[in-house]
Each structure stands twice: as structure tokens, then as C-alpha cells.
Amino acid sequence: MKTLRIGGGAGYSGDRIEPALELAERGELDVLIFECLAERTIALAQQARMKDPALGYDPLLEARMLAVLETCAAKGIRIITNMGAANPLAAAAKIKEIALSLGIEGLKIAAVTGDDVLDQLRQGDYLDDTGEPVKALGERLLSANAYLGAAPLVEALAQGADIVVTGRVADPALVLAPAIHAFGWAMDDWERLGQGTLAGHLLECAGQVCGGYFADPGRKDVPDLARLGFPIAVIGDDGSLEITKVAGSGGSVTTATCTEQLLYEIHDPAAYLTPDVVADFSAVTMRQSGPDRVAIDGAGGHPKSGMLKVSIGYVDSYVGEGQISYAGPGALARGRLAQEIVASRLALTGVALTEVRYDLIGVNSVNPLQGESLAPGAEPLEVRLRVVGRADSMREAVRVGNEVETLYTCGPAGGGGATKSAREVVAIRSTLLPAARVAPAIHFEET
């Protein structure tokens, strides 16, 4: 049986880089993917592109390519990634520049575009998932990106692309596309598309399926997380699937780690909606087929819906924050007094906040009732006051941290380590767009 080995080289934008190099060097891969787009990431990338048209791709694109490009080119490993974010064309040009600097010739780089549907949403009458018209966001609207499916990636591979860089695509499509290309699966073979989507779903968070975000000492022990290995999907032309990792790398691949990742971000296991297939994971079975090796079967699928999810990024508000610590005897009482002072000052000076939160870290920041249940004499020897306020302008948000900082000389004794910050909050909504209204395109760069 023909098989395809695909490595998951990243699970989010800021993920570790060295496990991807380990995959390239020792994973005997056919394909290396980098999944680096979260829902907010592309909206932030759009902001970067607005400031500089040459930017808007993943900030670690250059570092990742410098790490793996020579090895992948020498071994014939194809790279597929959504690190193009808001600017796949600039990302492809940057990859070409890096390849030339490394002396790599004969490389074909495809940039997949068409996911940016901002103009369509501005001109149409669409409702977001809150029931409000998208148009109502007005100038606060930053981005609107449709989740493309595997088809344009498959076409890029068919045209000889060694590297495919995209913007917003469905995460599993990064794995499904090379499987479709390698095995010639039909785009309406729902069973195999469902199994290929399962493979992509298990790989999309990289280290999570190898024990990252899984470990719980004494309950779920995972070895050598500092050297966590990233996963490899071994896919058969019949849709069969095994998840494993590079021998000797840290972490572990078990039915338990795979089960947790299977359930990640799944609303209805029997109807996981993607642009390529409505996947059915309800009958999935797993067995430990070897050390750090899990065989997974039973995924199916149904015809796709014909609609694409669109992720909408917009400026929601501004958040100001201030923190200060109190330590030693009476720390809790001084922290509570500091909180009362800030609350009074925000009211007295008329700071216009739509929401405000007060936390005494170490007392009630996680469990609000914990601070009320402390036994006499069991008070903490240190607390840190955190005040966070939401406002409709940066000017008002800045005032929150300023008031906390003044506790240095105008508050309880012994305050220290004060910090303050203010930031714009980019939030996400979503809507649906008929797939027929989205036109992906492929652009090539060559060395």
C-alpha cells in the first residue's frame, strides 16, 4: 500500500522551531506542514499589512524557513503552510528571497490567495454570528477571511509546487490536500476525505497530540516535555492512518493523547463542518499499534455544505491594566485597601469604563470565593493587585494603569513592582458565505 508521511511542524504562530527541523532531518517525511493561524492572528496580520504593504505574513516565517528550507530541498520534502496570513504573495516572495540567499535553485513556490473577502462583506447584506449586520462595524472592521478548502492547494501541488503558502484555509486542509494529490482521491470521495480530515485535525496543533497541553503530573505523566517531539501522520492510499513521532524525541503518542486532540474544537463529532467535507468522527476507533504509535480508523464523511465560514476581525475596545504587589504581614489587607482606593479614584476622576475587574492574584483571581474562605492566620504572605478596565478609547484605557501606579506614593505601605499597559482589543466574529462567491487563485515564484 502506498503511504504518505506528513509532519506537523507548528501548531500556532509562536510555536517552537527546532521540533520541525527534527521532523525534516529524521522524520522521513514527504510533506512538512506549518499550521500557524488562529482566529485573531489573521486580523492582527491585516493590521500589520495596513502599516506596511510588504508585511502581513507570519513574523516567524523567515526563521522557520531558514531552519528547514535547505534540509527540505535536499530531501525533496514539500512544505505546506498558512503562514501567508494576510499576505501570501509577500510570504512567497520572502521565501524565494531566503531560498536564493541559501543557494537553493529550482524551487517552485505557490501562493494561494482569494480568502480575503472583506470587500464582499462590506458591500453585501450579511449578518454575523451575533445577528448584527456586518456593515454595522463600520470603520472598526479590519478583516474578513473565508476558510478555503483543499482544492487550490491540490491544484498548486499538481502544478509542481515544492512549497505552498496560503492565507486562511481550514486547518485540516493542509494535510488533506497532499493526501488527495498523492493518492488521486476524488473530491467527492466523502469517506476518504473524512479520514484525511481526521488526519489533519490530529496534526493541526502539532505538539498537543504528542503530550503537550496534556501533561498532569501524577495523573498523566509525559516524559521530556522540554524536548517535545512533533507528530507524524502516516496516511495510506485507502485512508488508513497512524500517528507517531520521531524516535527518541520527547513526549508520547498514546490513545489518550490522540483522544484529547480528537475532541479539540469539535462541536458535533458526527458533523464536523469543513469546506471539503462534513466529517463524521463519531465511529472513530484507536489502538496502540506500537511505542508512540497509534492506529486510527472509522472516520467518515458526507457532502460538503457549499458554505464557507468567514472569520471577521474588528476593533472591539481598548483595555488598560495596572498591577502592584504587596508582601509580608498584612499583605492581603493592604492589597484590599489598594483595590478600594483604585475603585474610588476611577469613580472620582470620571474614568469612562464599560467594564472593570479587580483581582488579588494568589487569593481570588482564579476562584472568586477563595479569598472569603481563608482561615484565620492562613493569609498569604504576598498578593498582587491587578486592575483591568475596558474602554471605548485608548485615552481612557491608559488612565487605569496610571491610577494603579500612583499607589506607590498614595496608597498602602510597601507596594512594589508596579506595571501598567494599555492595548487595542481585536476581536472576532464570523459569518457564512456561499463557496461559489469565493475565487481562489494561485501565483508562483521560482528560484
Protein backbone atom coordinates (compact mmCIF):
# COMPACT_ATOMS: atom_id res chain seq x y z
CA MET A 1 0.00 0.00 0.00
CA LYS A 2 1.23 3.46 -0.88
CA THR A 3 1.70 5.71 2.15
CA LEU A 4 2.38 9.38 2.74
CA ARG A 5 4.30 10.74 5.74
CA ILE A 6 3.28 14.24 6.81
CA GLY A 7 4.92 16.08 9.74
CA GLY A 8 3.17 18.71 11.84
CA GLY A 9 5.84 21.39 12.18
CA ALA A 10 3.88 24.05 14.09
CA GLY A 11 0.60 24.33 15.95
CA TYR A 12 0.39 28.10 16.30
CA SER A 13 2.24 31.23 15.24
CA GLY A 14 4.77 31.33 18.09
CA ASP A 15 5.44 27.59 18.32
CA ARG A 16 8.88 26.07 18.81
CA ILE A 17 11.04 25.77 15.70
CA GLU A 18 13.54 23.02 16.50
CA PRO A 19 10.96 20.15 16.50
CA ALA A 20 10.17 20.97 12.87
CA LEU A 21 13.85 20.70 11.96
CA GLU A 22 13.95 17.36 13.80
CA LEU A 23 11.00 16.21 11.68
CA ALA A 24 12.72 17.33 8.48
CA GLU A 25 16.02 15.69 9.38
CA ARG A 26 14.81 12.43 10.93
CA GLY A 27 11.12 12.02 10.16
CA GLU A 28 11.48 10.50 6.66
CA LEU A 29 8.79 12.93 5.55
CA ASP A 30 7.12 13.54 2.25
CA VAL A 31 5.45 16.75 3.45
CA LEU A 32 6.04 19.18 6.32
CA ILE A 33 3.17 21.46 7.32
CA PHE A 34 3.18 24.59 9.46
CA GLU A 35 -0.24 25.49 10.87
CA CYS A 36 0.17 28.99 12.30
CA LEU A 37 -3.17 30.81 12.05
CA ALA A 38 -5.51 31.26 14.99
CA GLU A 39 -8.73 33.22 14.63
CA ARG A 40 -7.24 36.55 15.79
CA THR A 41 -3.87 36.02 14.11
CA ILE A 42 -5.01 36.97 10.64
CA ALA A 43 -6.78 40.12 11.87
CA LEU A 44 -3.55 41.22 13.56
CA ALA A 45 -1.68 40.38 10.35
CA GLN A 46 -4.09 42.62 8.41
CA GLN A 47 -3.22 45.47 10.75
CA ALA A 48 0.48 44.87 10.09
CA ARG A 49 -0.16 44.88 6.33
CA MET A 50 -2.06 48.18 6.60
CA LYS A 51 1.03 49.75 8.16
CA ASP A 52 3.43 48.18 5.66
CA PRO A 53 2.18 46.51 2.44
CA ALA A 54 5.29 44.29 2.42
CA LEU A 55 4.24 42.68 5.72
CA GLY A 56 1.18 40.78 6.92
CA TYR A 57 2.67 37.29 6.85
CA ASP A 58 3.70 35.31 9.92
CA PRO A 59 6.50 37.05 11.85
CA LEU A 60 8.38 33.75 12.25
CA LEU A 61 8.18 32.79 8.57
CA GLU A 62 11.77 33.79 7.92
CA ALA A 63 13.12 31.98 10.98
CA ARG A 64 11.20 28.80 10.16
CA MET A 65 12.31 28.79 6.53
CA LEU A 66 15.92 29.44 7.45
CA ALA A 67 15.73 26.47 9.81
CA VAL A 68 14.22 23.86 7.46
CA LEU A 69 14.48 25.01 3.85
CA GLU A 70 17.88 23.54 3.00
CA THR A 71 17.02 20.18 4.55
CA CYS A 72 13.60 20.01 2.89
CA ALA A 73 15.02 20.97 -0.50
CA ALA A 74 17.79 18.37 -0.24
CA LYS A 75 15.37 15.61 0.79
CA GLY A 76 12.54 16.57 -1.56
CA ILE A 77 10.15 17.34 1.31
CA ARG A 78 7.29 19.58 0.26
CA ILE A 79 6.24 22.38 2.62
CA ILE A 80 2.62 23.49 3.05
CA THR A 81 1.78 26.34 5.38
CA ASN A 82 -0.76 29.05 6.16
CA MET A 83 2.00 31.42 7.27
CA GLY A 84 0.98 33.70 4.42
CA ALA A 85 -1.70 35.01 6.80
CA ALA A 86 -2.90 38.34 5.37
CA ASN A 87 -0.27 38.49 2.62
CA PRO A 88 0.57 35.15 0.93
CA LEU A 89 2.13 36.93 -2.07
CA ALA A 90 4.66 38.74 0.11
CA ALA A 91 5.29 35.50 2.01
CA ALA A 92 6.08 33.64 -1.21
CA ALA A 93 8.42 36.44 -2.29
CA LYS A 94 10.17 36.29 1.09
CA ILE A 95 10.59 32.50 0.83
CA LYS A 96 12.10 32.95 -2.65
CA GLU A 97 14.50 35.56 -1.26
CA ILE A 98 15.54 33.20 1.55
CA ALA A 99 15.99 30.28 -0.85
CA LEU A 100 18.22 32.35 -3.13
CA SER A 101 20.27 33.51 -0.14
CA LEU A 102 20.83 29.84 0.72
CA GLY A 103 21.77 28.98 -2.87
CA ILE A 104 18.70 26.80 -3.45
CA GLU A 105 17.74 26.70 -7.13
CA GLY A 106 14.84 25.10 -8.98
CA LEU A 107 12.33 25.75 -6.18
CA LYS A 108 8.71 26.42 -7.11
CA ILE A 109 6.69 28.37 -4.54
CA ALA A 110 2.91 28.74 -4.83
CA ALA A 111 0.93 31.47 -3.08
CA VAL A 112 -2.78 30.73 -2.70
CA THR A 113 -4.99 33.80 -2.45
CA GLY A 114 -8.71 34.51 -2.59
CA ASP A 115 -9.61 34.06 1.07
CA ASP A 116 -9.76 37.84 1.65
CA VAL A 117 -13.48 38.68 1.22
CA LEU A 118 -13.51 42.00 3.09
CA ASP A 119 -14.88 43.98 0.15
CA GLN A 120 -17.67 41.47 -0.41
CA LEU A 121 -18.80 41.71 3.19
CA ARG A 122 -18.69 45.50 3.15
CA GLN A 123 -20.87 45.61 0.07
CA GLY A 124 -23.32 42.82 0.90
CA ASP A 125 -26.07 42.40 3.46
CA TYR A 126 -24.54 39.80 5.77
CA LEU A 127 -25.30 39.09 9.41
CA ASP A 128 -22.58 37.96 11.81
CA ASP A 129 -22.98 35.30 14.48
CA THR A 130 -24.42 37.84 16.92
CA GLY A 131 -27.25 38.60 14.48
CA GLU A 132 -25.91 42.08 13.75
CA PRO A 133 -25.21 43.38 10.22
CA VAL A 134 -21.52 43.16 9.36
CA LYS A 135 -21.81 46.66 7.87
CA ALA A 136 -22.63 47.99 11.35
CA LEU A 137 -18.98 47.51 12.35
CA GLY A 138 -18.11 50.39 10.02
CA GLU A 139 -14.53 51.60 10.32
CA ARG A 140 -13.88 49.13 13.13
CA LEU A 141 -13.92 46.28 10.57
CA LEU A 142 -10.34 45.10 9.96
CA SER A 143 -10.52 41.83 8.08
CA ALA A 144 -12.79 39.16 6.64
CA ASN A 145 -11.23 35.89 5.54
CA ALA A 146 -13.05 32.84 4.24
CA TYR A 147 -11.82 29.39 5.19
CA LEU A 148 -10.71 27.90 1.87
CA GLY A 149 -10.65 24.16 1.34
CA ALA A 150 -8.05 21.79 -0.09
CA ALA A 151 -8.83 22.27 -3.81
CA PRO A 152 -6.49 25.21 -4.59
CA LEU A 153 -3.69 23.56 -2.62
CA VAL A 154 -4.17 20.35 -4.59
CA GLU A 155 -4.00 22.35 -7.83
CA ALA A 156 -0.80 24.06 -6.70
CA LEU A 157 0.78 20.69 -5.94
CA ALA A 158 -0.40 19.35 -9.32
CA GLN A 159 1.40 22.26 -10.97
CA GLY A 160 4.65 21.21 -9.32
CA ALA A 161 4.80 23.44 -6.25
CA ASP A 162 7.52 22.49 -3.78
CA ILE A 163 6.14 24.98 -1.26
CA VAL A 164 2.53 26.10 -0.90
CA VAL A 165 1.86 29.16 1.25
CA THR A 166 -1.70 30.23 1.95
CA GLY A 167 -3.74 32.67 3.94
CA ARG A 168 -6.87 31.46 5.72
CA VAL A 169 -7.62 27.83 4.89
CA ALA A 170 -9.31 25.21 7.04
CA ASP A 171 -6.59 23.74 9.25
CA PRO A 172 -7.15 20.10 8.17
CA ALA A 173 -6.83 21.12 4.50
CA LEU A 174 -3.06 21.47 4.98
CA VAL A 175 -2.91 17.68 5.42
CA LEU A 176 -5.89 16.68 3.30
CA ALA A 177 -4.55 18.42 0.19
CA PRO A 178 -1.29 16.46 -0.14
CA ALA A 179 -3.18 13.22 0.52
CA ILE A 180 -5.68 14.00 -2.26
CA HIS A 181 -2.79 14.89 -4.57
CA ALA A 182 -0.67 11.86 -3.74
CA PHE A 183 -3.44 9.26 -3.91
CA GLY A 184 -5.71 10.78 -6.52
CA TRP A 185 -8.73 10.77 -4.23
CA ALA A 186 -11.87 12.14 -5.81
CA MET A 187 -13.18 15.40 -4.38
CA ASP A 188 -16.48 13.64 -3.65
CA ASP A 189 -15.00 10.52 -2.02
CA TRP A 190 -16.55 11.54 1.29
CA GLU A 191 -15.25 8.56 3.27
CA ARG A 192 -11.61 9.14 2.39
CA LEU A 193 -11.99 12.91 2.68
CA GLY A 194 -13.40 12.36 6.16
CA GLN A 195 -10.44 10.18 7.15
CA GLY A 196 -7.98 12.67 5.63
CA THR A 197 -9.68 15.47 7.54
CA LEU A 198 -9.24 13.43 10.71
CA ALA A 199 -5.51 13.21 10.00
CA GLY A 200 -5.34 16.97 9.52
CA HIS A 201 -7.32 17.62 12.67
CA LEU A 202 -4.96 15.46 14.73
CA LEU A 203 -1.87 17.19 13.32
CA GLU A 204 -3.09 20.79 13.39
CA CYS A 205 -1.94 21.57 16.95
CA ALA A 206 1.45 19.89 16.48
CA GLY A 207 2.85 19.02 19.95
CA GLN A 208 -0.57 18.62 21.58
CA VAL A 209 -1.09 15.15 20.11
CA CYS A 210 2.37 14.18 21.42
CA GLY A 211 1.62 15.11 25.03
CA GLY A 212 1.82 18.89 25.02
CA TYR A 213 -1.12 20.52 26.81
CA PHE A 214 -1.87 17.03 28.10
CA ALA A 215 0.55 16.51 30.98
CA ASP A 216 -0.78 16.48 34.55
CA PRO A 217 1.90 15.19 36.94
CA GLY A 218 0.87 12.05 38.81
CA ARG A 219 -2.21 11.60 36.62
CA LYS A 220 -0.98 11.93 33.06
CA ASP A 221 2.81 11.90 33.07
CA VAL A 222 4.62 12.82 29.86
CA PRO A 223 8.39 12.33 29.51
CA ASP A 224 10.85 15.03 28.47
CA LEU A 225 8.46 17.84 27.56
CA ALA A 226 11.43 20.19 27.17
CA ARG A 227 12.31 18.17 24.05
CA LEU A 228 8.74 17.53 22.93
CA GLY A 229 8.62 15.87 19.53
CA PHE A 230 6.05 16.93 16.96
CA PRO A 231 3.76 14.44 15.23
CA ILE A 232 3.89 12.48 12.01
CA ALA A 233 0.78 11.22 10.23
CA VAL A 234 1.31 8.09 8.15
CA ILE A 235 -1.61 8.04 5.72
CA GLY A 236 -2.40 5.12 3.41
CA ASP A 237 -3.98 5.44 -0.02
CA ASP A 238 -7.06 3.68 1.42
CA GLY A 239 -7.38 6.40 4.08
CA SER A 240 -5.77 4.38 6.87
CA LEU A 241 -3.95 6.47 9.46
CA GLU A 242 -1.28 6.16 12.12
CA ILE A 243 0.05 8.96 14.33
CA THR A 244 3.63 8.72 15.54
CA LYS A 245 6.72 10.89 16.16
CA VAL A 246 10.48 10.82 15.67
CA ALA A 247 12.03 8.01 17.73
CA GLY A 248 13.86 9.33 20.80
CA SER A 249 12.13 12.72 20.84
CA GLY A 250 10.33 13.88 23.97
CA GLY A 251 6.65 13.43 24.70
CA SER A 252 4.48 10.42 23.96
CA VAL A 253 1.85 9.37 21.43
CA THR A 254 -0.90 7.30 23.03
CA THR A 255 -4.58 6.64 22.53
CA ALA A 256 -5.17 9.13 25.35
CA THR A 257 -3.20 11.98 23.73
CA CYS A 258 -4.89 11.28 20.39
CA THR A 259 -8.33 11.19 22.00
CA GLU A 260 -7.85 14.58 23.64
CA GLN A 261 -6.75 16.10 20.34
CA LEU A 262 -9.63 14.40 18.51
CA LEU A 263 -12.11 16.18 20.80
CA TYR A 264 -10.38 19.56 20.45
CA GLU A 265 -12.67 22.25 18.96
CA ILE A 266 -15.24 19.68 17.79
CA HIS A 267 -18.82 20.90 18.13
CA ASP A 268 -20.64 17.85 16.72
CA PRO A 269 -18.42 14.77 16.27
CA ALA A 270 -20.89 13.36 13.74
CA ALA A 271 -20.94 16.54 11.64
CA TYR A 272 -17.63 18.41 11.71
CA LEU A 273 -18.19 21.10 9.08
CA THR A 274 -15.24 21.86 6.80
CA PRO A 275 -15.03 23.38 3.30
CA ASP A 276 -14.22 19.94 1.84
CA VAL A 277 -16.49 17.52 3.67
CA VAL A 278 -18.88 17.22 6.59
CA ALA A 279 -16.65 14.84 8.53
CA ASP A 280 -18.07 12.19 10.84
CA PHE A 281 -15.78 11.24 13.73
CA SER A 282 -18.49 9.52 15.81
CA ALA A 283 -17.30 5.98 14.98
CA VAL A 284 -13.54 6.61 15.25
CA THR A 285 -11.55 3.85 16.94
CA MET A 286 -7.96 3.89 18.17
CA ARG A 287 -5.44 1.24 19.14
CA GLN A 288 -1.87 1.43 20.35
CA SER A 289 -0.06 -0.15 17.40
CA GLY A 290 3.43 0.29 18.83
CA PRO A 291 5.55 2.51 21.07
CA ASP A 292 4.49 6.11 20.36
CA ARG A 293 2.32 4.86 17.53
CA VAL A 294 -1.49 4.90 17.35
CA ALA A 295 -3.62 3.46 14.55
CA ILE A 296 -6.85 5.38 13.99
CA ASP A 297 -9.79 4.41 11.82
CA GLY A 298 -13.52 4.85 11.45
CA ALA A 299 -13.86 8.44 10.23
CA GLY A 300 -16.40 9.04 7.52
CA GLY A 301 -17.96 11.93 5.71
CA HIS A 302 -20.93 13.45 3.96
CA PRO A 303 -21.26 16.00 1.13
CA LYS A 304 -19.96 19.47 1.99
CA SER A 305 -22.43 22.22 2.80
CA GLY A 306 -21.48 24.63 0.00
CA MET A 307 -20.96 27.43 2.53
CA LEU A 308 -17.69 28.81 3.84
CA LYS A 309 -17.11 30.17 7.30
CA VAL A 310 -15.73 33.72 7.28
CA SER A 311 -13.66 34.98 10.21
CA ILE A 312 -14.26 38.70 10.80
CA GLY A 313 -11.68 40.74 12.69
CA TYR A 314 -12.65 44.08 14.18
CA VAL A 315 -11.56 46.61 16.79
CA ASP A 316 -13.73 45.83 19.80
CA SER A 317 -12.42 48.14 22.51
CA TYR A 318 -9.35 49.23 24.47
CA VAL A 319 -8.10 47.64 27.66
CA GLY A 320 -6.00 49.31 30.34
CA GLU A 321 -4.29 47.34 33.08
CA GLY A 322 -2.25 48.04 36.19
CA GLN A 323 -0.63 45.70 38.71
CA ILE A 324 1.19 46.15 42.01
CA SER A 325 2.42 43.72 44.69
CA TYR A 326 2.25 43.68 48.49
CA ALA A 327 4.25 41.27 50.63
CA GLY A 328 4.81 40.35 54.26
CA PRO A 329 2.45 40.51 57.27
CA GLY A 330 -0.84 42.16 56.40
CA ALA A 331 -0.27 41.81 52.66
CA LEU A 332 -3.86 40.79 52.00
CA ALA A 333 -5.31 43.72 53.96
CA ARG A 334 -3.04 46.18 52.17
CA GLY A 335 -3.95 44.66 48.81
CA ARG A 336 -7.65 45.02 49.59
CA LEU A 337 -7.15 48.61 50.68
CA ALA A 338 -5.28 49.33 47.46
CA GLN A 339 -8.20 47.89 45.49
CA GLU A 340 -10.66 50.12 47.34
CA ILE A 341 -8.52 53.17 46.64
CA VAL A 342 -8.30 52.47 42.90
CA ALA A 343 -12.04 51.82 42.67
CA SER A 344 -12.73 55.14 44.38
CA ARG A 345 -10.23 57.01 42.23
CA LEU A 346 -11.68 55.65 38.96
CA ALA A 347 -15.09 56.91 40.07
CA LEU A 348 -13.86 60.25 41.47
CA THR A 349 -11.88 61.14 38.37
CA GLY A 350 -14.60 60.01 35.98
CA VAL A 351 -12.71 57.35 34.05
CA ALA A 352 -15.16 56.15 31.38
CA LEU A 353 -15.07 52.36 31.52
CA THR A 354 -17.56 49.89 30.11
CA GLU A 355 -16.21 47.08 32.30
CA VAL A 356 -13.74 46.77 35.16
CA ARG A 357 -12.29 43.82 37.03
CA TYR A 358 -10.26 43.62 40.24
CA ASP A 359 -8.13 40.58 41.13
CA LEU A 360 -5.90 39.79 44.07
CA ILE A 361 -3.63 37.28 42.39
CA GLY A 362 -2.95 34.40 44.75
CA VAL A 363 -6.24 34.95 46.57
CA ASN A 364 -9.23 35.26 44.27
CA SER A 365 -8.08 35.75 40.68
CA VAL A 366 -9.00 32.17 39.69
CA ASN A 367 -11.53 31.20 42.38
CA PRO A 368 -13.54 34.27 43.46
CA LEU A 369 -14.67 32.56 46.69
CA GLN A 370 -11.23 31.52 47.84
CA GLY A 371 -10.44 34.87 49.44
CA GLU A 372 -13.58 34.70 51.55
CA SER A 373 -12.80 31.22 52.85
CA LEU A 374 -9.25 31.76 54.13
CA ALA A 375 -8.93 30.51 57.67
CA PRO A 376 -7.69 32.96 60.34
CA GLY A 377 -3.91 33.05 60.30
CA ALA A 378 -3.80 31.47 56.83
CA GLU A 379 -3.45 34.72 54.94
CA PRO A 380 -0.95 34.74 52.07
CA LEU A 381 2.39 36.43 52.60
CA GLU A 382 2.15 38.07 49.20
CA VAL A 383 -0.60 39.25 46.89
CA ARG A 384 -0.62 41.13 43.63
CA LEU A 385 -3.43 43.53 42.82
CA ARG A 386 -4.50 43.55 39.18
CA VAL A 387 -6.98 46.10 37.87
CA VAL A 388 -8.24 45.76 34.29
CA GLY A 389 -10.68 48.14 32.62
CA ARG A 390 -12.31 48.17 29.20
CA ALA A 391 -12.98 51.49 27.46
CA ASP A 392 -14.06 52.88 24.11
CA SER A 393 -10.86 54.88 23.66
CA MET A 394 -7.16 54.39 24.28
CA ARG A 395 -7.05 57.64 26.27
CA GLU A 396 -9.48 56.29 28.88
CA ALA A 397 -7.83 52.86 28.97
CA VAL A 398 -4.43 54.41 29.79
CA ARG A 399 -5.91 56.04 32.92
CA VAL A 400 -6.47 52.65 34.59
CA GLY A 401 -2.78 51.79 34.82
CA ASN A 402 -1.93 55.34 35.81
CA GLU A 403 -4.17 55.14 38.88
CA VAL A 404 -2.63 51.84 39.95
CA GLU A 405 0.87 53.26 39.57
CA THR A 406 0.05 56.18 41.88
CA LEU A 407 -0.39 53.66 44.71
CA TYR A 408 3.40 53.78 45.03
CA THR A 409 3.20 57.04 46.98
CA CYS A 410 -0.54 57.46 47.54
CA GLY A 411 -1.54 54.01 48.71
CA PRO A 412 -0.79 51.39 51.38
CA ALA A 413 2.71 50.76 52.67
CA GLY A 414 5.15 48.56 50.87
CA GLY A 415 3.73 48.43 47.36
CA GLY A 416 6.22 47.41 44.69
CA GLY A 417 6.70 46.02 41.20
CA ALA A 418 4.01 48.19 39.63
CA THR A 419 3.36 47.71 35.93
CA LYS A 420 0.88 49.30 33.56
CA SER A 421 -0.20 48.80 29.97
CA ALA A 422 -2.93 49.68 27.52
CA ARG A 423 -3.81 47.93 24.28
CA GLU A 424 -6.29 47.80 21.46
CA VAL A 425 -8.52 44.71 21.56
CA VAL A 426 -9.02 42.95 18.24
CA ALA A 427 -12.00 40.60 18.47
CA ILE A 428 -13.51 38.01 16.16
CA ARG A 429 -16.97 37.37 14.81
CA SER A 430 -17.98 35.05 11.99
CA THR A 431 -20.49 34.67 9.20
CA LEU A 432 -21.19 32.33 6.27
CA LEU A 433 -20.57 32.98 2.60
CA PRO A 434 -21.58 30.75 -0.35
CA ALA A 435 -18.47 28.97 -1.61
CA ALA A 436 -19.40 29.92 -5.17
CA ARG A 437 -18.72 33.57 -4.32
CA VAL A 438 -15.10 32.90 -3.35
CA ALA A 439 -12.49 32.62 -6.12
CA PRO A 440 -9.13 31.19 -5.01
CA ALA A 441 -6.12 31.94 -7.19
CA ILE A 442 -2.57 30.57 -7.39
CA HIS A 443 0.54 32.67 -8.03
CA PHE A 444 4.04 31.23 -8.50
CA GLU A 445 7.53 32.31 -7.56
CA GLU A 446 10.55 30.30 -8.75
CA THR A 447 14.23 30.20 -7.95
